[in-house]
Protein backbone atom coordinates (compact mmCIF):
# COMPACT_ATOMS: atom_id res chain seq x y z
CA UNK A 1 0.00 0.00 0.00
CA UNK A 2 2.85 2.35 0.87
CA UNK A 3 4.51 1.67 -2.50
CA UNK A 4 1.28 2.43 -4.34
CA UNK A 5 0.86 5.71 -2.46
CA UNK A 6 4.40 6.74 -3.38
CA UNK A 7 3.77 5.98 -7.04
CA UNK A 8 0.55 7.97 -7.29
CA UNK A 9 2.16 11.45 -7.45
CA UNK A 10 4.62 10.18 -10.07
CA UNK A 11 1.86 8.66 -12.22
CA UNK A 12 -0.19 11.83 -11.88
CA UNK A 13 2.75 13.89 -13.17
CA UNK A 14 3.24 11.52 -16.12
CA UNK A 15 -0.44 11.67 -17.06
CA UNK A 16 -0.48 15.47 -16.82
CA UNK A 17 2.71 15.64 -18.87
CA UNK A 18 1.18 13.53 -21.65
CA UNK A 19 -2.01 15.59 -21.49
CA UNK A 20 -0.13 18.88 -21.78
CA UNK A 21 2.02 17.48 -24.58
CA UNK A 22 -1.02 16.36 -26.59
CA UNK A 23 -2.66 19.75 -26.04
CA UNK A 24 0.47 21.55 -27.25
CA UNK A 25 0.74 19.27 -30.29
CA UNK A 26 -2.84 20.15 -31.26
CA UNK A 27 -2.06 23.87 -30.89
CA UNK A 28 1.05 23.49 -33.04
CA UNK A 29 -0.81 21.60 -35.78
CA UNK A 30 -3.54 24.23 -35.73
CA UNK A 31 -0.96 26.99 -36.09
CA UNK A 32 0.85 25.17 -38.90
CA UNK A 33 -2.41 24.59 -40.77
CA UNK A 34 -2.91 28.35 -41.18
CA UNK A 35 -0.06 28.71 -43.63
CA UNK A 36 1.26 25.20 -44.31
CA UNK A 37 -0.10 21.98 -45.79
CA UNK A 38 0.61 18.46 -44.63
CA UNK A 39 2.02 16.09 -47.25
CA UNK A 40 1.85 12.43 -46.12
CA UNK A 41 4.66 9.93 -46.57
CA UNK A 42 4.70 8.21 -49.93
CA UNK A 43 6.58 7.40 -53.09
CA UNK A 44 7.29 9.70 -55.99
CA UNK A 45 8.97 9.29 -59.35
CA UNK A 46 11.73 11.84 -59.95
CA UNK A 47 13.66 11.58 -63.20
CA UNK A 48 12.02 8.17 -63.72
CA UNK A 49 13.42 6.88 -60.43
CA UNK A 50 11.11 5.84 -57.60
CA UNK A 51 11.90 7.69 -54.36
CA UNK A 52 10.45 7.28 -50.87
CA UNK A 53 9.58 10.54 -49.13
CA UNK A 54 8.74 10.97 -45.45
CA UNK A 55 5.82 13.20 -44.44
CA UNK A 56 6.37 16.96 -44.11
CA UNK A 57 4.61 20.31 -43.99
CA UNK A 58 5.06 22.73 -46.90
CA UNK A 59 4.08 26.38 -47.02
CA UNK A 60 0.91 26.87 -49.03
CA UNK A 61 2.50 29.77 -50.88
CA UNK A 62 5.85 31.12 -51.90
CA UNK A 63 7.40 33.42 -49.28
CA UNK A 64 5.89 36.86 -49.89
CA UNK A 65 7.41 40.32 -49.74
CA UNK A 66 5.42 41.02 -46.55
CA UNK A 67 6.74 37.89 -44.83
CA UNK A 68 10.31 38.63 -45.87
CA UNK A 69 10.01 42.19 -44.55
CA UNK A 70 9.19 40.81 -41.09
CA UNK A 71 12.40 38.79 -41.25
CA UNK A 72 14.46 41.86 -42.21
CA UNK A 73 12.77 43.90 -39.49
CA UNK A 74 13.75 41.35 -36.83
CA UNK A 75 17.35 41.35 -38.05
CA UNK A 76 17.39 45.14 -37.80
CA UNK A 77 15.98 45.06 -34.25
CA UNK A 78 18.61 42.48 -33.27
CA UNK A 79 21.33 44.67 -34.75
CA UNK A 80 22.71 41.70 -36.67
CA UNK A 81 24.43 43.66 -39.43
CA UNK A 82 26.25 40.66 -40.88
CA UNK A 83 23.07 38.67 -41.49
CA UNK A 84 21.23 41.80 -42.59
CA UNK A 85 23.83 42.39 -45.31
CA UNK A 86 23.39 38.81 -46.59
CA UNK A 87 19.59 39.06 -46.51
CA UNK A 88 19.24 42.28 -48.51
CA UNK A 89 17.14 42.42 -51.70
CA UNK A 90 19.04 43.26 -54.89
CA UNK A 91 16.26 45.13 -56.69
CA UNK A 92 18.58 46.24 -59.50
CA UNK A 93 18.24 42.72 -60.91
CA UNK A 94 14.85 43.81 -62.22
CA UNK A 95 16.81 45.54 -64.98
CA UNK A 96 16.35 42.86 -67.61
CA UNK A 97 17.94 44.77 -70.45
CA UNK A 98 14.99 47.01 -71.28
CA UNK A 99 12.57 49.51 -69.77
CA UNK A 100 9.68 47.05 -69.41
CA UNK A 101 10.35 46.12 -65.77
CA UNK A 102 12.41 49.09 -64.57
CA UNK A 103 9.61 50.42 -62.37
CA UNK A 104 9.90 47.25 -60.30
CA UNK A 105 13.40 48.29 -59.25
CA UNK A 106 11.84 51.03 -57.16
CA UNK A 107 8.46 49.58 -56.24
CA UNK A 108 8.27 45.78 -56.30
CA UNK A 109 9.65 45.16 -52.81
CA UNK A 110 8.92 48.53 -51.20
CA UNK A 111 5.38 49.38 -52.33
CA UNK A 112 2.48 47.92 -50.28
CA UNK A 113 0.67 47.01 -53.52
CA UNK A 114 3.17 44.15 -53.90
CA UNK A 115 3.11 42.88 -50.30
CA UNK A 116 1.42 39.62 -51.32
CA UNK A 117 3.73 38.95 -54.27
CA UNK A 118 6.59 36.45 -53.97
CA UNK A 119 9.89 37.81 -52.74
CA UNK A 120 12.58 37.60 -55.44
CA UNK A 121 16.14 38.81 -55.95
CA UNK A 122 17.28 37.10 -52.75
CA UNK A 123 20.25 34.75 -52.49
CA UNK A 124 20.34 31.10 -51.49
CA UNK A 125 22.20 32.11 -48.31
CA UNK A 126 19.45 34.63 -47.51
CA UNK A 127 16.81 31.93 -47.91
CA UNK A 128 18.70 29.73 -45.45
CA UNK A 129 18.85 32.59 -42.96
CA UNK A 130 15.10 33.06 -43.35
CA UNK A 131 14.58 29.37 -42.55
CA UNK A 132 16.76 29.66 -39.42
CA UNK A 133 14.85 32.77 -38.32
CA UNK A 134 11.49 31.04 -38.82
CA UNK A 135 12.71 27.98 -36.91
CA UNK A 136 13.76 30.10 -33.95
CA UNK A 137 10.58 32.20 -34.02
CA UNK A 138 8.23 29.21 -34.24
CA UNK A 139 9.92 27.09 -31.58
CA UNK A 140 10.15 30.06 -29.22
CA UNK A 141 6.43 30.70 -29.61
CA UNK A 142 5.56 27.16 -28.55
CA UNK A 143 8.46 26.50 -26.17
CA UNK A 144 9.67 23.54 -28.18
CA UNK A 145 12.57 22.36 -30.34
CA UNK A 146 10.50 20.01 -32.48
CA UNK A 147 10.65 21.97 -35.71
CA UNK A 148 13.30 22.96 -38.22
CA UNK A 149 12.25 24.97 -41.24
CA UNK A 150 14.28 24.48 -44.40
CA UNK A 151 14.24 24.47 -48.19
CA UNK A 152 12.75 21.37 -49.85
CA UNK A 153 14.67 18.63 -51.59
CA UNK A 154 13.79 17.89 -55.20
CA UNK A 155 11.90 14.76 -54.11
CA UNK A 156 9.85 16.73 -51.56
CA UNK A 157 9.01 19.48 -54.04
CA UNK A 158 7.82 17.01 -56.68
CA UNK A 159 5.94 14.96 -54.07
CA UNK A 160 4.08 18.11 -52.91
CA UNK A 161 3.09 18.79 -56.50
CA UNK A 162 2.45 15.33 -57.85
CA UNK A 163 1.29 13.33 -54.84
CA UNK A 164 0.73 9.69 -55.75
CA UNK A 165 0.26 10.45 -59.44
CA UNK A 166 3.35 9.15 -61.21
CA UNK A 167 3.05 10.75 -64.61
CA UNK A 168 1.65 14.28 -64.45
CA UNK A 169 3.91 17.25 -65.16
CA UNK A 170 1.85 19.88 -63.37
CA UNK A 171 0.60 20.21 -59.81
CA UNK A 172 -3.07 20.39 -60.83
CA UNK A 173 -2.96 16.73 -61.88
CA UNK A 174 -2.77 16.88 -65.67
CA UNK A 175 -0.26 17.46 -68.45
CA UNK A 176 -2.30 20.35 -69.85
CA UNK A 177 -1.80 24.04 -69.13
CA UNK A 178 -5.50 24.91 -69.31
CA UNK A 179 -8.47 23.62 -67.35
CA UNK A 180 -11.74 22.39 -68.86
CA UNK A 181 -12.97 26.01 -69.12
CA UNK A 182 -9.95 27.02 -71.17
CA UNK A 183 -8.38 29.01 -68.32
CA UNK A 184 -4.61 29.05 -67.82
CA UNK A 185 -3.58 27.19 -64.67
CA UNK A 186 -0.38 29.06 -63.84
CA UNK A 187 1.65 32.18 -64.49
CA UNK A 188 4.02 31.57 -67.39
CA UNK A 189 5.03 33.01 -70.76
CA UNK A 190 2.35 32.08 -73.25
CA UNK A 191 3.48 31.60 -76.83
CA UNK A 192 1.06 30.43 -79.49
CA UNK A 193 1.55 28.76 -82.85
CA UNK A 194 1.90 32.20 -84.44
CA UNK A 195 5.26 32.47 -82.67
CA UNK A 196 6.71 29.20 -84.03
CA UNK A 197 8.83 29.41 -87.18
CA UNK A 198 10.57 26.63 -89.11
CA UNK A 199 13.88 27.82 -90.43
CA UNK A 200 14.18 26.39 -93.96
CA UNK A 201 17.98 26.64 -93.87
CA UNK A 202 18.43 24.55 -90.72
CA UNK A 203 15.10 22.67 -90.80
CA UNK A 204 14.71 23.52 -87.11
CA UNK A 205 11.87 25.22 -85.31
CA UNK A 206 12.50 28.65 -83.81
CA UNK A 207 10.49 30.85 -81.49
CA UNK A 208 9.76 34.38 -82.67
CA UNK A 209 7.61 36.02 -79.96
CA UNK A 210 4.58 37.94 -81.16
CA UNK A 211 3.61 40.12 -78.23
CA UNK A 212 -0.10 40.63 -78.64
CA UNK A 213 -2.91 39.77 -76.24
CA UNK A 214 -3.35 36.27 -77.64
CA UNK A 215 0.29 35.28 -77.83
CA UNK A 216 1.64 36.78 -74.64
CA UNK A 217 -1.25 36.92 -72.18
CA UNK A 218 -0.89 36.25 -68.47
CA UNK A 219 1.23 38.52 -66.27
CA UNK A 220 4.30 40.44 -67.41
CA UNK A 221 5.72 39.85 -63.94
CA UNK A 222 5.04 37.65 -60.92
CA UNK A 223 1.49 37.09 -59.70
CA UNK A 224 0.31 37.24 -56.05
CA UNK A 225 1.26 34.16 -54.05
CA UNK A 226 -2.36 32.96 -53.89
CA UNK A 227 -3.08 33.30 -57.60
CA UNK A 228 -4.74 30.61 -59.69
CA UNK A 229 -5.88 27.45 -57.83
CA UNK A 230 -4.32 25.29 -55.10
CA UNK A 231 -3.54 21.64 -55.78
CA UNK A 232 -4.68 18.51 -53.93
CA UNK A 233 -2.59 19.48 -50.87
CA UNK A 234 -3.88 23.09 -50.93
CA UNK A 235 -0.54 24.41 -52.23
CA UNK A 236 -0.35 27.30 -54.71
CA UNK A 237 1.97 28.06 -57.63
CA UNK A 238 4.30 25.07 -57.64
CA UNK A 239 4.38 25.62 -61.40
CA UNK A 240 5.34 28.99 -62.84
CA UNK A 241 5.25 32.37 -61.10
CA UNK A 242 8.74 32.02 -59.61
CA UNK A 243 11.16 29.11 -59.79
CA UNK A 244 11.71 27.89 -56.22
CA UNK A 245 15.04 27.20 -54.58
CA UNK A 246 15.88 23.69 -53.43
CA UNK A 247 18.07 22.62 -50.53
CA UNK A 248 20.77 21.95 -53.14
CA UNK A 249 22.45 25.26 -53.88
CA UNK A 250 22.05 26.67 -57.37
CA UNK A 251 18.95 24.70 -58.40
CA UNK A 252 15.35 25.91 -58.51
CA UNK A 253 12.31 23.96 -59.70
CA UNK A 254 8.95 24.66 -61.32
CA UNK A 255 9.87 27.46 -63.71
CA UNK A 256 8.83 31.11 -63.59
CA UNK A 257 6.76 33.84 -65.20
CA UNK A 258 9.33 34.25 -67.98
CA UNK A 259 9.35 30.53 -68.88
CA UNK A 260 7.17 28.83 -71.47
CA UNK A 261 4.81 25.98 -70.61
CA UNK A 262 7.28 23.14 -71.07
CA UNK A 263 9.72 24.83 -68.69
CA UNK A 264 7.26 25.23 -65.81
CA UNK A 265 6.78 21.51 -65.22
CA UNK A 266 7.37 20.24 -61.69
CA UNK A 267 10.77 18.82 -62.64
CA UNK A 268 11.85 21.78 -64.78
CA UNK A 269 15.21 22.90 -63.39
CA UNK A 270 16.52 26.46 -63.34
CA UNK A 271 20.23 26.75 -62.62
CA UNK A 272 21.36 29.97 -60.98
CA UNK A 273 24.54 31.49 -59.63
CA UNK A 274 23.13 34.88 -58.63
CA UNK A 275 19.86 36.42 -57.50
CA UNK A 276 17.15 36.92 -60.11
CA UNK A 277 13.61 38.34 -60.43
CA UNK A 278 12.46 34.90 -61.55
CA UNK A 279 13.62 32.99 -58.45
CA UNK A 280 12.02 32.85 -55.00
CA UNK A 281 11.44 30.15 -52.40
CA UNK A 282 9.05 28.47 -50.02
CA UNK A 283 9.76 26.53 -46.83
CA UNK A 284 9.00 23.10 -45.48
CA UNK A 285 9.26 21.54 -42.05
CA UNK A 286 8.83 18.17 -40.41
CA UNK A 287 8.21 17.02 -36.86
CA UNK A 288 11.69 16.52 -35.35
CA UNK A 289 11.72 14.57 -32.09
Foldseek 3Di string as FASTA:
>chain_A
DVVVVVCVVVVVVVVVVVVVVVVLVVVLVVVLVVFKFKQAWDWAADPNDIDTDHIWIWGQFFAFLQNLVVVLVVCVVVVVVVLNVLQDAPLVLLPPPDDPRVVSSPDCNPPPVRRQFHDFRHFPVNQQSSQVVVQVVSCVVSVHNFKGKDFAALRVLVCCQQPPNHDEFGSQHHVDQADPVRDGQAQAFAADPVQWDQDPVVRDIDGHQDDDCVGGPGDPAADGGCPGFGHPRSHPQLAERAFADGRDHQWTAQWYNHHYPVQRTRNRIDGDDGIHRRYGHIMMMDGHD
